[in-house]
Amino acid sequence: MVSLLVLVSGAAGLALEVLWMRDFALWFGSTAAGVAVVLSVYFAGLALGAHASGRLGAGRHPLRVYGLLEAGTAFAVVV
């Protein structure tokens, strides 16, 4: 069950990345600049998340922390 949730989360993240690339290409007028911005922010988020999850995920309920982080991401996307 957990692997299915992780798969769906990854697919949603990939879909959002593609949508953001298209949106930034409209803003910058160039696909290359839009892709560069989206990828740099995406990888910065991965690095910050890996750094923070070492402290947060080490607790007794790592799935609860993961669920809260996913809910926070969904909230940030909607807002």
PDB file of N, CA and C in Angstrom:
ATOM      1  N   MET A   1       0.816  -1.195   0.000  1.00  0.00           N
ATOM      2  CA  MET A   1       0.000   0.000   0.000  1.00  0.00           C
ATOM      3  C   MET A   1       0.862   1.263   0.000  1.00  0.00           C
ATOM      4  N   VAL A   2       1.932   1.221   0.786  1.00  0.00           N
ATOM      5  CA  VAL A   2       2.803   2.387   0.875  1.00  0.00           C
ATOM      6  C   VAL A   2       3.484   2.643  -0.462  1.00  0.00           C
ATOM      7  N   SER A   3       3.910   1.565  -1.140  1.00  0.00           N
ATOM      8  CA  SER A   3       4.576   1.747  -2.429  1.00  0.00           C
ATOM      9  C   SER A   3       3.624   2.346  -3.465  1.00  0.00           C
ATOM     10  N   LEU A   4       2.339   2.020  -3.389  1.00  0.00           N
ATOM     11  CA  LEU A   4       1.351   2.615  -4.294  1.00  0.00           C
ATOM     12  C   LEU A   4       1.202   4.110  -4.017  1.00  0.00           C
ATOM     13  N   LEU A   5       1.193   4.491  -2.754  1.00  0.00           N
ATOM     14  CA  LEU A   5       1.097   5.910  -2.401  1.00  0.00           C
ATOM     15  C   LEU A   5       2.323   6.682  -2.877  1.00  0.00           C
ATOM     16  N   VAL A   6       3.487   6.091  -2.740  1.00  0.00           N
ATOM     17  CA  VAL A   6       4.709   6.749  -3.197  1.00  0.00           C
ATOM     18  C   VAL A   6       4.704   6.882  -4.714  1.00  0.00           C
ATOM     19  N   LEU A   7       4.209   5.843  -5.421  1.00  0.00           N
ATOM     20  CA  LEU A   7       4.111   5.896  -6.879  1.00  0.00           C
ATOM     21  C   LEU A   7       3.170   7.007  -7.332  1.00  0.00           C
ATOM     22  N   VAL A   8       2.018   7.122  -6.703  1.00  0.00           N
ATOM     23  CA  VAL A   8       1.054   8.167  -7.054  1.00  0.00           C
ATOM     24  C   VAL A   8       1.629   9.551  -6.738  1.00  0.00           C
ATOM     25  N   SER A   9       2.325   9.668  -5.633  1.00  0.00           N
ATOM     26  CA  SER A   9       2.947  10.944  -5.270  1.00  0.00           C
ATOM     27  C   SER A   9       4.002  11.351  -6.294  1.00  0.00           C
ATOM     28  N   GLY A  10       4.815  10.421  -6.731  1.00  0.00           N
ATOM     29  CA  GLY A  10       5.830  10.719  -7.737  1.00  0.00           C
ATOM     30  C   GLY A  10       5.217  11.101  -9.074  1.00  0.00           C
ATOM     31  N   ALA A  11       4.151  10.414  -9.462  1.00  0.00           N
ATOM     32  CA  ALA A  11       3.471  10.743 -10.716  1.00  0.00           C
ATOM     33  C   ALA A  11       2.853  12.139 -10.651  1.00  0.00           C
ATOM     34  N   ALA A  12       2.279  12.478  -9.519  1.00  0.00           N
ATOM     35  CA  ALA A  12       1.708  13.815  -9.362  1.00  0.00           C
ATOM     36  C   ALA A  12       2.796  14.883  -9.391  1.00  0.00           C
ATOM     37  N   GLY A  13       3.923  14.607  -8.773  1.00  0.00           N
ATOM     38  CA  GLY A  13       5.041  15.552  -8.804  1.00  0.00           C
ATOM     39  C   GLY A  13       5.564  15.759 -10.215  1.00  0.00           C
ATOM     40  N   LEU A  14       5.648  14.688 -10.995  1.00  0.00           N
ATOM     41  CA  LEU A  14       6.106  14.796 -12.373  1.00  0.00           C
ATOM     42  C   LEU A  14       5.114  15.592 -13.217  1.00  0.00           C
ATOM     43  N   ALA A  15       3.821  15.343 -13.015  1.00  0.00           N
ATOM     44  CA  ALA A  15       2.803  16.095 -13.755  1.00  0.00           C
ATOM     45  C   ALA A  15       2.855  17.582 -13.419  1.00  0.00           C
ATOM     46  N   LEU A  16       3.039  17.912 -12.146  1.00  0.00           N
ATOM     47  CA  LEU A  16       3.138  19.316 -11.755  1.00  0.00           C
ATOM     48  C   LEU A  16       4.388  19.962 -12.332  1.00  0.00           C
ATOM     49  N   GLU A  17       5.478  19.214 -12.387  1.00  0.00           N
ATOM     50  CA  GLU A  17       6.707  19.767 -12.962  1.00  0.00           C
ATOM     51  C   GLU A  17       6.509  20.101 -14.441  1.00  0.00           C
ATOM     52  N   VAL A  18       5.837  19.235 -15.168  1.00  0.00           N
ATOM     53  CA  VAL A  18       5.574  19.494 -16.589  1.00  0.00           C
ATOM     54  C   VAL A  18       4.675  20.723 -16.756  1.00  0.00           C
ATOM     55  N   LEU A  19       3.653  20.836 -15.913  1.00  0.00           N
ATOM     56  CA  LEU A  19       2.766  22.001 -15.992  1.00  0.00           C
ATOM     57  C   LEU A  19       3.502  23.288 -15.669  1.00  0.00           C
ATOM     58  N   TRP A  20       4.374  23.255 -14.666  1.00  0.00           N
ATOM     59  CA  TRP A  20       5.137  24.457 -14.321  1.00  0.00           C
ATOM     60  C   TRP A  20       6.109  24.829 -15.430  1.00  0.00           C
ATOM     61  N   MET A  21       6.684  23.819 -16.098  1.00  0.00           N
ATOM     62  CA  MET A  21       7.589  24.120 -17.213  1.00  0.00           C
ATOM     63  C   MET A  21       6.850  24.833 -18.336  1.00  0.00           C
ATOM     64  N   ARG A  22       5.656  24.390 -18.634  1.00  0.00           N
ATOM     65  CA  ARG A  22       4.867  25.053 -19.673  1.00  0.00           C
ATOM     66  C   ARG A  22       4.489  26.468 -19.261  1.00  0.00           C
ATOM     67  N   ASP A  23       4.136  26.646 -18.010  1.00  0.00           N
ATOM     68  CA  ASP A  23       3.748  27.963 -17.516  1.00  0.00           C
ATOM     69  C   ASP A  23       4.937  28.931 -17.548  1.00  0.00           C
ATOM     70  N   PHE A  24       6.087  28.489 -17.100  1.00  0.00           N
ATOM     71  CA  PHE A  24       7.262  29.355 -17.104  1.00  0.00           C
ATOM     72  C   PHE A  24       7.748  29.641 -18.516  1.00  0.00           C
ATOM     73  N   ALA A  25       7.536  28.717 -19.436  1.00  0.00           N
ATOM     74  CA  ALA A  25       7.901  28.982 -20.833  1.00  0.00           C
ATOM     75  C   ALA A  25       7.046  30.122 -21.384  1.00  0.00           C
ATOM     76  N   LEU A  26       5.806  30.234 -20.947  1.00  0.00           N
ATOM     77  CA  LEU A  26       4.958  31.349 -21.368  1.00  0.00           C
ATOM     78  C   LEU A  26       5.448  32.662 -20.759  1.00  0.00           C
ATOM     79  N   TRP A  27       5.907  32.620 -19.513  1.00  0.00           N
ATOM     80  CA  TRP A  27       6.372  33.838 -18.848  1.00  0.00           C
ATOM     81  C   TRP A  27       7.684  34.341 -19.431  1.00  0.00           C
ATOM     82  N   PHE A  28       8.623  33.421 -19.661  1.00  0.00           N
ATOM     83  CA  PHE A  28       9.943  33.812 -20.116  1.00  0.00           C
ATOM     84  C   PHE A  28      10.047  33.898 -21.633  1.00  0.00           C
ATOM     85  N   GLY A  29       9.062  33.373 -22.344  1.00  0.00           N
ATOM     86  CA  GLY A  29       9.083  33.417 -23.799  1.00  0.00           C
ATOM     87  C   GLY A  29      10.033  32.411 -24.412  1.00  0.00           C
ATOM     88  N   SER A  30      10.639  31.591 -23.599  1.00  0.00           N
ATOM     89  CA  SER A  30      11.587  30.592 -24.086  1.00  0.00           C
ATOM     90  C   SER A  30      11.421  29.321 -23.268  1.00  0.00           C
ATOM     91  N   THR A  31      11.416  28.220 -23.934  1.00  0.00           N
ATOM     92  CA  THR A  31      11.284  26.962 -23.221  1.00  0.00           C
ATOM     93  C   THR A  31      12.534  26.664 -22.403  1.00  0.00           C
ATOM     94  N   ALA A  32      13.708  26.997 -22.928  1.00  0.00           N
ATOM     95  CA  ALA A  32      14.959  26.691 -22.216  1.00  0.00           C
ATOM     96  C   ALA A  32      15.045  27.439 -20.889  1.00  0.00           C
ATOM     97  N   ALA A  33      14.673  28.693 -20.877  1.00  0.00           N
ATOM     98  CA  ALA A  33      14.720  29.464 -19.625  1.00  0.00           C
ATOM     99  C   ALA A  33      13.690  28.941 -18.623  1.00  0.00           C
ATOM    100  N   GLY A  34      12.510  28.607 -19.103  1.00  0.00           N
ATOM    101  CA  GLY A  34      11.480  28.062 -18.220  1.00  0.00           C
ATOM    102  C   GLY A  34      11.900  26.735 -17.614  1.00  0.00           C
ATOM    103  N   VAL A  35      12.493  25.870 -18.421  1.00  0.00           N
ATOM    104  CA  VAL A  35      12.962  24.575 -17.928  1.00  0.00           C
ATOM    105  C   VAL A  35      14.085  24.773 -16.917  1.00  0.00           C
ATOM    106  N   ALA A  36      14.988  25.700 -17.184  1.00  0.00           N
ATOM    107  CA  ALA A  36      16.095  25.949 -16.262  1.00  0.00           C
ATOM    108  C   ALA A  36      15.599  26.424 -14.905  1.00  0.00           C
ATOM    109  N   VAL A  37      14.622  27.317 -14.897  1.00  0.00           N
ATOM    110  CA  VAL A  37      14.077  27.818 -13.622  1.00  0.00           C
ATOM    111  C   VAL A  37      13.366  26.708 -12.870  1.00  0.00           C
ATOM    112  N   VAL A  38      12.519  25.955 -13.559  1.00  0.00           N
ATOM    113  CA  VAL A  38      11.757  24.897 -12.890  1.00  0.00           C
ATOM    114  C   VAL A  38      12.695  23.824 -12.348  1.00  0.00           C
ATOM    115  N   LEU A  39      13.674  23.405 -13.126  1.00  0.00           N
ATOM    116  CA  LEU A  39      14.584  22.365 -12.658  1.00  0.00           C
ATOM    117  C   LEU A  39      15.448  22.837 -11.493  1.00  0.00           C
ATOM    118  N   SER A  40      15.893  24.082 -11.539  1.00  0.00           N
ATOM    119  CA  SER A  40      16.726  24.571 -10.434  1.00  0.00           C
ATOM    120  C   SER A  40      15.922  24.663  -9.142  1.00  0.00           C
ATOM    121  N   VAL A  41      14.701  25.133  -9.219  1.00  0.00           N
ATOM    122  CA  VAL A  41      13.858  25.206  -8.017  1.00  0.00           C
ATOM    123  C   VAL A  41      13.478  23.810  -7.538  1.00  0.00           C
ATOM    124  N   TYR A  42      13.202  22.906  -8.488  1.00  0.00           N
ATOM    125  CA  TYR A  42      12.843  21.532  -8.137  1.00  0.00           C
ATOM    126  C   TYR A  42      13.994  20.842  -7.398  1.00  0.00           C
ATOM    127  N   PHE A  43      15.217  20.963  -7.937  1.00  0.00           N
ATOM    128  CA  PHE A  43      16.355  20.321  -7.297  1.00  0.00           C
ATOM    129  C   PHE A  43      16.717  20.993  -5.978  1.00  0.00           C
ATOM    130  N   ALA A  44      16.527  22.298  -5.873  1.00  0.00           N
ATOM    131  CA  ALA A  44      16.755  22.976  -4.593  1.00  0.00           C
ATOM    132  C   ALA A  44      15.761  22.464  -3.549  1.00  0.00           C
ATOM    133  N   GLY A  45      14.518  22.259  -3.965  1.00  0.00           N
ATOM    134  CA  GLY A  45      13.518  21.701  -3.055  1.00  0.00           C
ATOM    135  C   GLY A  45      13.855  20.286  -2.623  1.00  0.00           C
ATOM    136  N   LEU A  46      14.378  19.482  -3.547  1.00  0.00           N
ATOM    137  CA  LEU A  46      14.807  18.134  -3.179  1.00  0.00           C
ATOM    138  C   LEU A  46      15.944  18.170  -2.167  1.00  0.00           C
ATOM    139  N   ALA A  47      16.893  19.071  -2.375  1.00  0.00           N
ATOM    140  CA  ALA A  47      18.027  19.171  -1.455  1.00  0.00           C
ATOM    141  C   ALA A  47      17.578  19.634  -0.075  1.00  0.00           C
ATOM    142  N   LEU A  48      16.726  20.655  -0.032  1.00  0.00           N
ATOM    143  CA  LEU A  48      16.229  21.130   1.264  1.00  0.00           C
ATOM    144  C   LEU A  48      15.379  20.072   1.952  1.00  0.00           C
ATOM    145  N   GLY A  49      14.570  19.364   1.171  1.00  0.00           N
ATOM    146  CA  GLY A  49      13.743  18.299   1.737  1.00  0.00           C
ATOM    147  C   GLY A  49      14.573  17.151   2.284  1.00  0.00           C
ATOM    148  N   ALA A  50      15.631  16.783   1.587  1.00  0.00           N
ATOM    149  CA  ALA A  50      16.511  15.716   2.074  1.00  0.00           C
ATOM    150  C   ALA A  50      17.219  16.145   3.350  1.00  0.00           C
ATOM    151  N   HIS A  51      17.614  17.398   3.403  1.00  0.00           N
ATOM    152  CA  HIS A  51      18.279  17.905   4.610  1.00  0.00           C
ATOM    153  C   HIS A  51      17.319  17.918   5.803  1.00  0.00           C
ATOM    154  N   ALA A  52      16.111  18.399   5.574  1.00  0.00           N
ATOM    155  CA  ALA A  52      15.138  18.491   6.669  1.00  0.00           C
ATOM    156  C   ALA A  52      14.582  17.127   7.065  1.00  0.00           C
ATOM    157  N   SER A  53      14.435  16.221   6.114  1.00  0.00           N
ATOM    158  CA  SER A  53      13.826  14.933   6.439  1.00  0.00           C
ATOM    159  C   SER A  53      14.747  14.056   7.277  1.00  0.00           C
ATOM    160  N   GLY A  54      16.022  14.342   7.256  1.00  0.00           N
ATOM    161  CA  GLY A  54      16.920  13.596   8.126  1.00  0.00           C
ATOM    162  C   GLY A  54      16.589  13.813   9.587  1.00  0.00           C
ATOM    163  N   ARG A  55      16.100  14.990   9.888  1.00  0.00           N
ATOM    164  CA  ARG A  55      15.719  15.289  11.279  1.00  0.00           C
ATOM    165  C   ARG A  55      14.267  14.915  11.569  1.00  0.00           C
ATOM    166  N   LEU A  56      13.370  15.237  10.627  1.00  0.00           N
ATOM    167  CA  LEU A  56      11.947  14.984  10.861  1.00  0.00           C
ATOM    168  C   LEU A  56      11.584  13.512  10.737  1.00  0.00           C
ATOM    169  N   GLY A  57      12.153  12.839   9.750  1.00  0.00           N
ATOM    170  CA  GLY A  57      11.782  11.458   9.494  1.00  0.00           C
ATOM    171  C   GLY A  57      12.400  10.456  10.430  1.00  0.00           C
ATOM    172  N   ALA A  58      13.296  10.890  11.293  1.00  0.00           N
ATOM    173  CA  ALA A  58      13.973   9.975  12.196  1.00  0.00           C
ATOM    174  C   ALA A  58      13.135   9.654  13.435  1.00  0.00           C
ATOM    175  N   GLY A  59      11.947  10.206  13.519  1.00  0.00           N
ATOM    176  CA  GLY A  59      11.095   9.970  14.690  1.00  0.00           C
ATOM    177  C   GLY A  59      10.444   8.605  14.676  1.00  0.00           C
ATOM    178  N   ARG A  60       9.436   8.446  15.498  1.00  0.00           N
ATOM    179  CA  ARG A  60       8.774   7.149  15.627  1.00  0.00           C
ATOM    180  C   ARG A  60       7.712   6.917  14.570  1.00  0.00           C
ATOM    181  N   HIS A  61       7.260   7.968  13.885  1.00  0.00           N
ATOM    182  CA  HIS A  61       6.178   7.833  12.904  1.00  0.00           C
ATOM    183  C   HIS A  61       6.585   8.447  11.562  1.00  0.00           C
ATOM    184  N   PRO A  62       7.468   7.797  10.828  1.00  0.00           N
ATOM    185  CA  PRO A  62       7.928   8.399   9.566  1.00  0.00           C
ATOM    186  C   PRO A  62       6.819   8.496   8.518  1.00  0.00           C
ATOM    187  N   LEU A  63       5.858   7.563   8.510  1.00  0.00           N
ATOM    188  CA  LEU A  63       4.757   7.645   7.544  1.00  0.00           C
ATOM    189  C   LEU A  63       3.832   8.814   7.853  1.00  0.00           C
ATOM    190  N   ARG A  64       3.668   9.132   9.115  1.00  0.00           N
ATOM    191  CA  ARG A  64       2.853  10.278   9.493  1.00  0.00           C
ATOM    192  C   ARG A  64       3.522  11.571   9.026  1.00  0.00           C
ATOM    193  N   VAL A  65       4.840  11.657   9.191  1.00  0.00           N
ATOM    194  CA  VAL A  65       5.583  12.830   8.729  1.00  0.00           C
ATOM    195  C   VAL A  65       5.468  12.948   7.211  1.00  0.00           C
ATOM    196  N   TYR A  66       5.606  11.822   6.511  1.00  0.00           N
ATOM    197  CA  TYR A  66       5.480  11.816   5.054  1.00  0.00           C
ATOM    198  C   TYR A  66       4.091  12.290   4.620  1.00  0.00           C
ATOM    199  N   GLY A  67       3.065  11.816   5.293  1.00  0.00           N
ATOM    200  CA  GLY A  67       1.699  12.230   4.979  1.00  0.00           C
ATOM    201  C   GLY A  67       1.478  13.713   5.213  1.00  0.00           C
ATOM    202  N   LEU A  68       2.017  14.235   6.294  1.00  0.00           N
ATOM    203  CA  LEU A  68       1.892  15.666   6.568  1.00  0.00           C
ATOM    204  C   LEU A  68       2.626  16.504   5.528  1.00  0.00           C
ATOM    205  N   LEU A  69       3.795  16.034   5.102  1.00  0.00           N
ATOM    206  CA  LEU A  69       4.531  16.752   4.062  1.00  0.00           C
ATOM    207  C   LEU A  69       3.778  16.731   2.727  1.00  0.00           C
ATOM    208  N   GLU A  70       3.160  15.600   2.402  1.00  0.00           N
ATOM    209  CA  GLU A  70       2.367  15.509   1.180  1.00  0.00           C
ATOM    210  C   GLU A  70       1.146  16.427   1.256  1.00  0.00           C
ATOM    211  N   ALA A  71       0.507  16.477   2.415  1.00  0.00           N
ATOM    212  CA  ALA A  71      -0.642  17.363   2.582  1.00  0.00           C
ATOM    213  C   ALA A  71      -0.216  18.824   2.471  1.00  0.00           C
ATOM    214  N   GLY A  72       0.935  19.164   3.025  1.00  0.00           N
ATOM    215  CA  GLY A  72       1.450  20.526   2.898  1.00  0.00           C
ATOM    216  C   GLY A  72       1.769  20.889   1.462  1.00  0.00           C
ATOM    217  N   THR A  73       2.320  19.945   0.715  1.00  0.00           N
ATOM    218  CA  THR A  73       2.606  20.184  -0.704  1.00  0.00           C
ATOM    219  C   THR A  73       1.311  20.394  -1.475  1.00  0.00           C
ATOM    220  N   ALA A  74       0.317  19.564  -1.210  1.00  0.00           N
ATOM    221  CA  ALA A  74      -0.971  19.717  -1.902  1.00  0.00           C
ATOM    222  C   ALA A  74      -1.598  21.072  -1.572  1.00  0.00           C
ATOM    223  N   PHE A  75      -1.508  21.485  -0.333  1.00  0.00           N
ATOM    224  CA  PHE A  75      -2.052  22.781   0.063  1.00  0.00           C
ATOM    225  C   PHE A  75      -1.319  23.915  -0.648  1.00  0.00           C
ATOM    226  N   ALA A  76       0.009  23.816  -0.745  1.00  0.00           N
ATOM    227  CA  ALA A  76       0.790  24.855  -1.414  1.00  0.00           C
ATOM    228  C   ALA A  76       0.461  24.934  -2.883  1.00  0.00           C
ATOM    229  N   VAL A  77       0.170  23.825  -3.519  1.00  0.00           N
ATOM    230  CA  VAL A  77      -0.171  23.816  -4.942  1.00  0.00           C
ATOM    231  C   VAL A  77      -1.544  24.454  -5.165  1.00  0.00           C
ATOM    232  N   VAL A  78      -2.475  24.162  -4.290  1.00  0.00           N
ATOM    233  CA  VAL A  78      -3.842  24.689  -4.437  1.00  0.00           C
ATOM    234  C   VAL A  78      -3.864  26.190  -4.178  1.00  0.00           C
ATOM    235  N   VAL A  79      -3.130  26.649  -3.181  1.00  0.00           N
ATOM    236  CA  VAL A  79      -3.110  28.068  -2.832  1.00  0.00           C
ATOM    237  C   VAL A  79      -2.225  28.761  -3.780  1.00  0.00           C
TER     238      VAL A  79
END
